[in-house]
Amino acid sequence: MLIDTHAHLYAEEFKKDIETVMARLQEAQVEKIYLPNIDHSSIDAMLELEQGYDFCIATMGLHPCSVDKNFEKELYLIENWLQKRFFVAIGEMGTDLYWDKTFWEEQQEAFKIQARWAEQYKIPLIIHSRNSIDETITLIENLALPQLSGVFHCFTGTLEQAKKIKDMGFYLGIGGVVTYKNSDLPKILEQIDLSQLVLETDSPYLPPTPHRGKRNEPAYIKLVAEKLADIYQKSTEEIAQITRKNAYQLFNQVQK
């Protein structure tokens, strides 16, 4: 059984055929899907999906690309939800220096606030760090929160960065990028222990080969597992077993 630790199944791209998508992922033996929030606009659809499918698990956070001058209003809403009910993680949160650097200061402040909530509620972070892995590592180191844990979603960094992330007690989220012909990720992962990895799709984004250019979906996570099996010279079943165990540990849940 496979676990998709990061999929935006509530996105508009799935509105027309969500039941078919769910049937395909079950055929592909996907056991659980973790749904990272974006901002206030995604909460209702995300929670509705969680309520409708018992294998969908919602998380709560503010995406860095939704951080602007009014980010405190967004965080106030996030905090209200964290006080209302239990969520297994805070995310998708983090930093992003790819799309827009206008609100970099606000991104850092939003990161610090959400990291402190993670420490308070004893739950992990789901971290977005596009073009900002070093900056994000520094943020975590400076916060010096001893119980902080989580995953660097969609990791595409260097071996040095991967080692720093491991030393901080965080996992690496590996998705479709590892299957791309021009990706350096396979060579880096050869030097990283499987105990540090969890699988993800980031659906509907970043589909694995041979589905590039199309919508991604959780059923394709098997292609990521097969690529890791090739890298680590193990069976796909072993990859599934190890990364499944890692996912349960990441989200502090009891493995069945």
Protein backbone atom coordinates (compact mmCIF):
# COMPACT_ATOMS: atom_id res chain seq x y z
CA MET A 1 0.00 0.00 0.00
CA LEU A 2 1.24 3.47 -0.95
CA ILE A 3 0.73 6.79 0.80
CA ASP A 4 0.52 10.11 -1.02
CA THR A 5 1.70 12.66 1.53
CA HIS A 6 0.82 15.69 -0.61
CA ALA A 7 -2.08 16.09 -3.05
CA HIS A 8 -4.46 18.98 -3.76
CA LEU A 9 -7.42 16.79 -4.70
CA TYR A 10 -9.86 19.57 -3.82
CA ALA A 11 -8.48 21.67 -6.71
CA GLU A 12 -10.69 22.82 -9.57
CA GLU A 13 -8.90 20.39 -11.92
CA PHE A 14 -10.65 17.45 -10.18
CA LYS A 15 -14.18 18.84 -9.91
CA LYS A 16 -15.58 17.02 -12.95
CA ASP A 17 -14.25 13.50 -12.34
CA ILE A 18 -13.25 13.17 -8.69
CA GLU A 19 -15.05 9.83 -8.27
CA THR A 20 -13.14 8.35 -11.20
CA VAL A 21 -9.86 9.70 -9.78
CA MET A 22 -10.68 8.10 -6.43
CA ALA A 23 -11.43 4.76 -8.08
CA ARG A 24 -8.11 4.82 -9.95
CA LEU A 25 -6.07 5.59 -6.84
CA GLN A 26 -7.71 2.71 -4.97
CA GLU A 27 -6.90 0.39 -7.87
CA ALA A 28 -3.29 1.62 -7.59
CA GLN A 29 -3.35 0.61 -3.88
CA VAL A 30 -3.03 4.13 -2.50
CA GLU A 31 -3.98 3.80 1.15
CA LYS A 32 -4.02 7.41 2.35
CA ILE A 33 -3.82 10.89 0.88
CA TYR A 34 -2.82 13.97 2.86
CA LEU A 35 -4.43 17.20 1.68
CA PRO A 36 -2.35 20.34 2.32
CA ASN A 37 -4.34 23.57 2.59
CA ILE A 38 -3.55 26.70 0.55
CA ASP A 39 -5.50 29.57 2.16
CA HIS A 40 -9.06 30.54 3.18
CA SER A 41 -10.39 29.80 -0.32
CA SER A 42 -9.44 26.10 -0.22
CA ILE A 43 -10.63 25.13 3.27
CA ASP A 44 -14.28 24.29 2.55
CA ALA A 45 -13.52 22.11 -0.48
CA MET A 46 -10.69 20.36 1.36
CA LEU A 47 -12.79 19.55 4.42
CA GLU A 48 -15.68 18.39 2.24
CA LEU A 49 -13.35 15.95 0.51
CA GLU A 50 -12.04 14.70 3.86
CA GLN A 51 -15.58 14.13 5.06
CA GLY A 52 -16.56 12.27 1.90
CA TYR A 53 -13.55 9.92 1.75
CA ASP A 54 -12.12 8.40 4.92
CA PHE A 55 -8.66 7.94 3.35
CA CYS A 56 -8.31 11.70 2.73
CA ILE A 57 -6.71 13.59 5.61
CA ALA A 58 -6.76 17.39 5.79
CA THR A 59 -3.98 19.59 7.10
CA MET A 60 -4.17 23.29 7.90
CA GLY A 61 -1.79 26.11 6.93
CA LEU A 62 -1.11 29.14 4.77
CA HIS A 63 0.81 28.68 1.51
CA PRO A 64 3.66 31.20 1.02
CA CYS A 65 2.29 32.23 -2.38
CA SER A 66 -0.88 33.35 -0.58
CA VAL A 67 1.09 35.55 1.81
CA ASP A 68 0.64 39.27 1.14
CA LYS A 69 0.16 42.45 3.18
CA ASN A 70 -3.01 40.95 4.69
CA PHE A 71 -1.39 37.67 5.74
CA GLU A 72 -2.26 38.18 9.41
CA LYS A 73 -5.98 37.92 8.57
CA GLU A 74 -5.32 34.60 6.86
CA LEU A 75 -3.31 33.34 9.81
CA TYR A 76 -6.08 34.37 12.21
CA LEU A 77 -8.45 32.08 10.30
CA ILE A 78 -5.88 29.25 10.29
CA GLU A 79 -5.40 29.62 14.04
CA ASN A 80 -9.17 29.44 14.61
CA TRP A 81 -9.31 26.14 12.76
CA LEU A 82 -6.36 24.76 14.73
CA GLN A 83 -8.23 25.58 17.93
CA LYS A 84 -11.48 24.04 16.64
CA ARG A 85 -10.29 20.53 15.75
CA PHE A 86 -7.23 18.33 15.36
CA PHE A 87 -5.14 18.44 12.19
CA VAL A 88 -2.25 16.04 11.59
CA ALA A 89 0.06 18.79 10.25
CA ILE A 90 0.42 22.48 9.54
CA GLY A 91 0.75 23.08 5.84
CA GLU A 92 1.19 23.78 3.13
CA MET A 93 3.37 26.56 4.54
CA GLY A 94 6.89 27.74 3.87
CA THR A 95 8.74 30.16 1.61
CA ASP A 96 8.87 30.87 -2.11
CA LEU A 97 11.40 33.02 -3.97
CA TYR A 98 10.43 31.76 -7.41
CA TRP A 99 7.15 33.49 -8.19
CA ASP A 100 7.36 36.77 -6.31
CA LYS A 101 9.79 38.27 -3.81
CA THR A 102 7.58 41.26 -2.92
CA PHE A 103 6.39 39.83 0.39
CA TRP A 104 9.56 38.04 1.48
CA GLU A 105 9.54 39.65 4.94
CA GLU A 106 5.90 38.68 5.41
CA GLN A 107 6.65 35.12 4.26
CA GLN A 108 9.32 34.78 6.91
CA GLU A 109 7.01 36.09 9.63
CA ALA A 110 4.21 33.77 8.54
CA PHE A 111 6.68 30.87 8.60
CA LYS A 112 7.79 31.65 12.16
CA ILE A 113 4.23 31.92 13.43
CA GLN A 114 3.15 28.63 11.87
CA ALA A 115 6.30 26.86 13.07
CA ARG A 116 5.53 27.93 16.62
CA TRP A 117 2.01 26.57 16.26
CA ALA A 118 3.46 23.25 15.09
CA GLU A 119 5.60 23.14 18.21
CA GLN A 120 2.62 24.10 20.38
CA TYR A 121 0.30 21.46 18.93
CA LYS A 122 3.07 18.86 18.56
CA ILE A 123 2.39 18.31 14.86
CA PRO A 124 4.74 18.45 11.85
CA LEU A 125 5.15 21.09 9.15
CA ILE A 126 4.57 20.52 5.44
CA ILE A 127 7.12 22.92 3.97
CA HIS A 128 7.12 24.54 0.55
CA SER A 129 10.58 25.92 -0.28
CA ARG A 130 10.79 26.73 -3.98
CA ASN A 131 14.09 28.48 -4.75
CA SER A 132 14.46 29.02 -1.01
CA ILE A 133 15.74 25.82 0.61
CA ASP A 134 18.80 27.45 2.20
CA GLU A 135 16.73 30.35 3.50
CA THR A 136 14.18 27.94 4.94
CA ILE A 137 16.84 25.84 6.65
CA THR A 138 18.22 29.02 8.22
CA LEU A 139 14.76 30.02 9.41
CA ILE A 140 14.32 26.66 11.15
CA GLU A 141 17.80 26.76 12.69
CA ASN A 142 17.24 30.29 14.03
CA LEU A 143 13.88 29.37 15.53
CA ALA A 144 15.60 26.67 17.60
CA LEU A 145 12.37 24.81 18.40
CA PRO A 146 13.57 21.43 19.72
CA GLN A 147 10.38 19.46 18.93
CA LEU A 148 9.89 20.85 15.42
CA SER A 149 9.59 18.25 12.65
CA GLY A 150 8.09 17.89 9.22
CA VAL A 151 8.78 17.39 5.53
CA PHE A 152 10.38 19.47 2.81
CA HIS A 153 7.73 18.97 0.16
CA CYS A 154 8.83 18.48 -3.46
CA PHE A 155 12.52 18.28 -2.60
CA THR A 156 14.79 19.04 -5.55
CA GLY A 157 17.81 20.37 -3.70
CA THR A 158 21.44 19.36 -3.30
CA LEU A 159 23.04 16.55 -1.33
CA GLU A 160 24.35 19.08 1.18
CA GLN A 161 20.86 20.50 1.68
CA ALA A 162 19.41 17.01 2.05
CA LYS A 163 21.93 16.20 4.77
CA LYS A 164 21.13 19.41 6.65
CA ILE A 165 17.43 18.61 6.45
CA LYS A 166 18.08 15.12 7.81
CA ASP A 167 20.17 16.52 10.66
CA MET A 168 17.23 18.75 11.63
CA GLY A 169 14.97 15.68 11.80
CA PHE A 170 12.91 16.44 8.70
CA TYR A 171 11.85 14.19 5.82
CA LEU A 172 12.17 14.76 2.08
CA GLY A 173 9.02 14.61 -0.04
CA ILE A 174 9.79 12.90 -3.36
CA GLY A 175 7.43 13.16 -6.31
CA GLY A 176 7.26 13.12 -10.10
CA VAL A 177 10.41 15.21 -10.62
CA VAL A 178 12.53 12.15 -9.76
CA THR A 179 11.29 10.50 -12.98
CA TYR A 180 12.31 13.36 -15.28
CA LYS A 181 15.13 12.67 -17.72
CA ASN A 182 17.05 15.85 -16.85
CA SER A 183 16.62 15.55 -13.08
CA ASP A 184 19.70 15.33 -10.82
CA LEU A 185 17.56 13.92 -8.04
CA PRO A 186 18.26 10.21 -8.69
CA LYS A 187 22.03 10.71 -8.25
CA ILE A 188 21.44 12.64 -5.03
CA LEU A 189 19.03 10.05 -3.62
CA GLU A 190 21.62 7.31 -4.19
CA GLN A 191 23.47 8.91 -1.28
CA ILE A 192 20.39 9.43 0.92
CA ASP A 193 18.92 6.71 3.11
CA LEU A 194 15.36 5.60 2.33
CA SER A 195 14.42 6.25 5.95
CA GLN A 196 14.44 9.97 5.12
CA LEU A 197 11.93 9.79 2.26
CA VAL A 198 8.17 9.97 1.86
CA LEU A 199 6.25 9.78 -1.43
CA GLU A 200 4.00 12.49 -2.83
CA THR A 201 2.38 13.57 -6.08
CA ASP A 202 1.53 17.25 -5.53
CA SER A 203 -1.51 16.54 -7.70
CA PRO A 204 -2.62 18.12 -9.98
CA TYR A 205 0.93 19.43 -10.51
CA LEU A 206 4.28 17.85 -11.48
CA PRO A 207 3.08 14.60 -13.07
CA PRO A 208 5.68 11.86 -13.43
CA THR A 209 6.93 10.55 -16.75
CA PRO A 210 5.15 9.51 -19.02
CA HIS A 211 2.33 11.88 -18.00
CA ARG A 212 4.24 15.19 -18.20
CA GLY A 213 2.11 17.98 -19.57
CA LYS A 214 -1.07 16.36 -18.22
CA ARG A 215 -2.89 16.52 -14.91
CA ASN A 216 -1.22 14.62 -12.10
CA GLU A 217 -3.23 12.37 -9.77
CA PRO A 218 -2.51 10.09 -6.77
CA ALA A 219 -2.69 6.87 -8.82
CA TYR A 220 0.56 7.95 -10.48
CA ILE A 221 2.45 7.69 -7.20
CA LYS A 222 3.19 4.11 -8.15
CA LEU A 223 5.46 5.47 -10.92
CA VAL A 224 7.44 7.41 -8.30
CA ALA A 225 7.76 4.25 -6.20
CA GLU A 226 8.95 2.29 -9.24
CA LYS A 227 11.62 4.91 -9.95
CA LEU A 228 12.85 4.71 -6.36
CA ALA A 229 12.91 0.92 -6.66
CA ASP A 230 15.26 1.33 -9.61
CA ILE A 231 17.46 3.85 -7.76
CA TYR A 232 17.74 1.78 -4.58
CA GLN A 233 17.73 -1.64 -6.28
CA LYS A 234 14.74 -2.83 -4.26
CA SER A 235 11.29 -4.07 -5.17
CA THR A 236 8.43 -1.61 -5.53
CA GLU A 237 6.78 -3.42 -2.62
CA GLU A 238 9.80 -2.72 -0.39
CA ILE A 239 9.77 0.95 -1.37
CA ALA A 240 6.06 1.11 -0.57
CA GLN A 241 6.56 -0.56 2.80
CA ILE A 242 9.44 1.69 3.88
CA THR A 243 7.93 4.98 2.70
CA ARG A 244 4.56 4.01 4.20
CA LYS A 245 6.23 3.52 7.57
CA ASN A 246 8.01 6.87 7.18
CA ALA A 247 4.73 8.63 6.40
CA TYR A 248 3.09 7.24 9.53
CA GLN A 249 6.06 8.41 11.58
CA LEU A 250 6.02 11.84 9.94
CA PHE A 251 2.39 12.43 10.83
CA ASN A 252 2.64 10.76 14.25
CA GLN A 253 0.00 8.18 13.37
CA VAL A 254 -0.23 4.54 14.34
CA GLN A 255 0.61 2.18 11.49
CA LYS A 256 -2.06 -0.44 10.83
